[in-house]
Amino acid sequence: MQHRTTAELEAALGDIRAAPKGVGVVDLVVARPAEGEREVLAEGALDISIGLVGDNWGTRSSSRTPDGGAHPEMQLNVIGSRLSRFVAVDPERRMLAGDQLHVDLDLSEENLPPGTRLALGTAVIEVTAQPHTGCAKFVERFGGDAMRFVNSPVGRQLRLRGLNAKVVVAGTVRPGDEVRKVSADHAE
């Protein structure tokens, strides 16, 4: 399995930084029905209580909650599709990143501070303050250079590993749907 080197990752930074700021596109919707399993969806249902229907977020434990249960501010993991496509090397491996939504949009903290709402398909999600830094599985699948790159100062500023979000308006989302910033009080 080929992993990108630090030099290759740094060379891709210009393309990653060129992601659209206001309106982008949903590239991939992925459910994690069970530990280690991935299912690429043609359509995903986003639910306020359970996140992505068919995903195991609700049964995942979190060290960031008092009871160790699923963290309500980490319901969805969203990654920039330019980064996921590049680190995966093989397009069939993109789903292994572990993020439910892959979007072509500038995910930087400057562009999407916590509280920013994103409309995608008929749903609306809200960016939360919980950091998304990756785990040992990310290193195993994409290499140590990729993990160091996404967690470097520039990587964190740009949120290259992605961001956490929660569903605020239930709806459906499909690859090819527009994703756009909306006002914080947006409700449908």
Protein backbone atom coordinates (compact mmCIF):
# COMPACT_ATOMS: atom_id res chain seq x y z
CA MET A 1 0.00 0.00 0.00
CA GLN A 2 1.48 3.32 -1.10
CA HIS A 3 1.47 6.31 1.25
CA ARG A 4 2.13 9.90 0.29
CA THR A 5 5.38 11.47 1.46
CA THR A 6 5.62 14.78 3.27
CA ALA A 7 7.06 16.34 0.10
CA GLU A 8 4.12 15.08 -1.98
CA LEU A 9 1.62 16.32 0.60
CA GLU A 10 3.22 19.75 0.75
CA ALA A 11 3.21 19.93 -3.07
CA ALA A 12 -0.57 19.30 -3.03
CA LEU A 13 -1.24 22.14 -0.60
CA GLY A 14 -1.93 24.66 -3.39
CA ASP A 15 -4.72 22.52 -4.82
CA ILE A 16 -6.18 21.88 -1.37
CA ARG A 17 -6.14 25.62 -0.57
CA ALA A 18 -8.02 26.29 -3.84
CA ALA A 19 -11.19 24.59 -2.53
CA PRO A 20 -14.26 26.85 -2.85
CA LYS A 21 -15.06 29.06 0.15
CA GLY A 22 -18.80 29.66 -0.08
CA VAL A 23 -20.37 27.02 -2.30
CA GLY A 24 -18.90 23.59 -2.94
CA VAL A 25 -20.07 20.08 -3.68
CA VAL A 26 -20.62 16.86 -1.76
CA ASP A 27 -18.28 14.25 -3.21
CA LEU A 28 -18.87 11.18 -1.08
CA VAL A 29 -21.32 10.01 1.60
CA VAL A 30 -20.07 7.09 3.69
CA ALA A 31 -21.75 5.16 6.50
CA ARG A 32 -19.80 3.15 9.06
CA PRO A 33 -22.37 0.45 9.92
CA ALA A 34 -19.95 -1.38 12.23
CA GLU A 35 -16.35 -1.08 13.37
CA GLY A 36 -14.06 -1.34 10.34
CA GLU A 37 -16.94 -1.42 7.83
CA ARG A 38 -17.71 1.26 5.23
CA GLU A 39 -20.68 1.67 2.93
CA VAL A 40 -20.61 4.30 0.18
CA LEU A 41 -24.13 5.69 -0.13
CA ALA A 42 -25.93 7.04 -3.18
CA GLU A 43 -28.13 8.93 -0.72
CA GLY A 44 -27.72 9.53 2.99
CA ALA A 45 -30.43 10.48 5.44
CA LEU A 46 -29.26 12.93 8.11
CA ASP A 47 -31.23 12.81 11.35
CA ILE A 48 -30.98 15.26 14.26
CA SER A 49 -30.87 12.46 16.87
CA ILE A 50 -28.75 9.81 15.19
CA GLY A 51 -26.66 11.64 12.60
CA LEU A 52 -26.25 9.70 9.38
CA VAL A 53 -28.84 6.92 9.29
CA GLY A 54 -27.04 3.57 9.09
CA ASP A 55 -23.85 4.91 10.70
CA ASN A 56 -22.62 3.67 14.07
CA TRP A 57 -21.91 7.12 15.59
CA GLY A 58 -24.53 6.57 18.33
CA THR A 59 -22.82 3.42 19.58
CA ARG A 60 -19.26 4.77 19.46
CA SER A 61 -17.63 5.67 22.73
CA SER A 62 -15.88 8.97 23.32
CA SER A 63 -13.25 9.91 25.86
CA ARG A 64 -14.60 13.46 25.60
CA THR A 65 -17.95 12.76 27.31
CA PRO A 66 -18.49 12.19 31.06
CA ASP A 67 -20.26 8.85 30.49
CA GLY A 68 -18.02 7.71 27.63
CA GLY A 69 -20.97 7.69 25.21
CA ALA A 70 -21.23 9.18 21.75
CA HIS A 71 -20.30 12.86 21.71
CA PRO A 72 -23.22 15.03 20.50
CA GLU A 73 -20.81 17.57 19.00
CA MET A 74 -19.04 14.86 16.97
CA GLN A 75 -22.08 13.37 15.22
CA LEU A 76 -20.59 13.85 11.75
CA ASN A 77 -17.01 13.87 10.52
CA VAL A 78 -16.50 16.03 7.44
CA ILE A 79 -13.27 15.95 5.41
CA GLY A 80 -12.16 17.98 2.43
CA SER A 81 -12.42 15.82 -0.67
CA ARG A 82 -9.22 17.24 -2.18
CA LEU A 83 -7.25 15.93 0.79
CA SER A 84 -9.08 12.60 1.04
CA ARG A 85 -8.65 11.95 -2.67
CA PHE A 86 -4.92 12.74 -2.51
CA VAL A 87 -3.99 10.76 0.62
CA ALA A 88 -6.02 7.74 -0.48
CA VAL A 89 -3.89 7.39 -3.65
CA ASP A 90 -6.43 4.82 -4.93
CA PRO A 91 -9.95 6.35 -5.16
CA GLU A 92 -11.43 3.12 -3.76
CA ARG A 93 -9.59 3.80 -0.47
CA ARG A 94 -11.12 7.25 0.19
CA MET A 95 -13.89 5.79 2.32
CA LEU A 96 -11.27 4.44 4.73
CA ALA A 97 -10.69 7.95 6.11
CA GLY A 98 -13.63 7.30 8.43
CA ASP A 99 -15.48 10.52 7.60
CA GLN A 100 -19.14 10.34 6.65
CA LEU A 101 -19.05 13.39 4.38
CA HIS A 102 -16.34 14.28 1.85
CA VAL A 103 -16.91 17.78 0.48
CA ASP A 104 -15.08 20.07 -1.92
CA LEU A 105 -15.17 23.15 0.32
CA ASP A 106 -12.62 25.18 2.28
CA LEU A 107 -12.93 23.69 5.78
CA SER A 108 -10.45 26.09 7.40
CA GLU A 109 -11.28 27.60 10.77
CA GLU A 110 -11.17 31.03 9.16
CA ASN A 111 -13.79 30.05 6.57
CA LEU A 112 -15.97 27.85 8.81
CA PRO A 113 -15.70 28.86 12.46
CA PRO A 114 -17.68 26.83 15.02
CA GLY A 115 -21.37 27.63 14.70
CA THR A 116 -21.25 27.97 10.90
CA ARG A 117 -24.13 26.18 9.26
CA LEU A 118 -23.85 24.31 5.99
CA ALA A 119 -26.79 23.38 3.77
CA LEU A 120 -26.22 20.19 1.81
CA GLY A 121 -28.99 18.46 -0.04
CA THR A 122 -32.11 19.11 2.02
CA ALA A 123 -30.25 18.98 5.35
CA VAL A 124 -28.37 21.55 7.40
CA ILE A 125 -25.39 20.74 9.63
CA GLU A 126 -23.51 22.93 12.09
CA VAL A 127 -19.74 23.02 12.53
CA THR A 128 -18.82 22.33 16.17
CA ALA A 129 -15.77 23.34 18.18
CA GLN A 130 -14.63 19.74 18.78
CA PRO A 131 -11.30 19.20 16.99
CA HIS A 132 -10.93 16.33 14.52
CA THR A 133 -7.33 15.15 14.68
CA GLY A 134 -7.37 11.57 13.45
CA CYS A 135 -6.31 8.36 15.10
CA ALA A 136 -4.05 5.34 14.74
CA LYS A 137 -6.31 4.00 11.98
CA PHE A 138 -5.61 7.10 9.88
CA VAL A 139 -1.86 6.47 10.28
CA GLU A 140 -2.29 2.79 9.37
CA ARG A 141 -4.34 3.59 6.26
CA PHE A 142 -2.58 6.72 4.99
CA GLY A 143 0.82 6.82 6.72
CA GLY A 144 2.65 8.73 9.40
CA ASP A 145 3.60 11.54 7.01
CA ALA A 146 -0.10 12.17 6.30
CA MET A 147 -0.94 12.26 10.02
CA ARG A 148 1.89 14.69 10.77
CA PHE A 149 0.84 16.82 7.79
CA VAL A 150 -2.82 17.13 8.81
CA ASN A 151 -1.84 17.89 12.41
CA SER A 152 0.89 20.41 11.56
CA PRO A 153 0.13 24.06 12.39
CA VAL A 154 -0.95 24.68 8.77
CA GLY A 155 -2.88 21.40 8.69
CA ARG A 156 -4.83 22.32 11.83
CA GLN A 157 -5.53 25.85 10.61
CA LEU A 158 -6.89 24.46 7.33
CA ARG A 159 -8.59 21.55 9.14
CA LEU A 160 -7.00 19.11 6.73
CA ARG A 161 -8.07 16.17 8.90
CA GLY A 162 -11.58 17.56 8.71
CA LEU A 163 -14.08 18.93 11.16
CA ASN A 164 -16.84 17.74 13.44
CA ALA A 165 -20.46 18.73 12.94
CA LYS A 166 -23.98 17.95 14.07
CA VAL A 167 -27.28 17.79 12.20
CA VAL A 168 -29.58 20.77 12.88
CA VAL A 169 -32.13 20.24 10.07
CA ALA A 170 -32.88 16.67 9.01
CA GLY A 171 -32.83 15.83 5.34
CA THR A 172 -31.09 13.86 2.62
CA VAL A 173 -27.73 14.35 0.98
CA ARG A 174 -26.27 12.84 -2.18
CA PRO A 175 -22.93 13.00 -3.95
CA GLY A 176 -23.13 15.91 -6.37
CA ASP A 177 -25.33 18.02 -4.07
CA GLU A 178 -24.29 21.59 -3.45
CA VAL A 179 -22.86 22.42 -0.02
CA ARG A 180 -23.06 26.08 0.97
CA LYS A 181 -22.69 28.29 4.00
CA VAL A 182 -25.97 29.59 5.41
CA SER A 183 -26.80 31.93 8.26
CA ALA A 184 -26.64 30.55 11.80
CA ASP A 185 -30.39 30.98 12.27
CA HIS A 186 -31.24 29.08 9.06
CA ALA A 187 -34.14 26.70 9.47
CA GLU A 188 -36.20 24.99 6.82
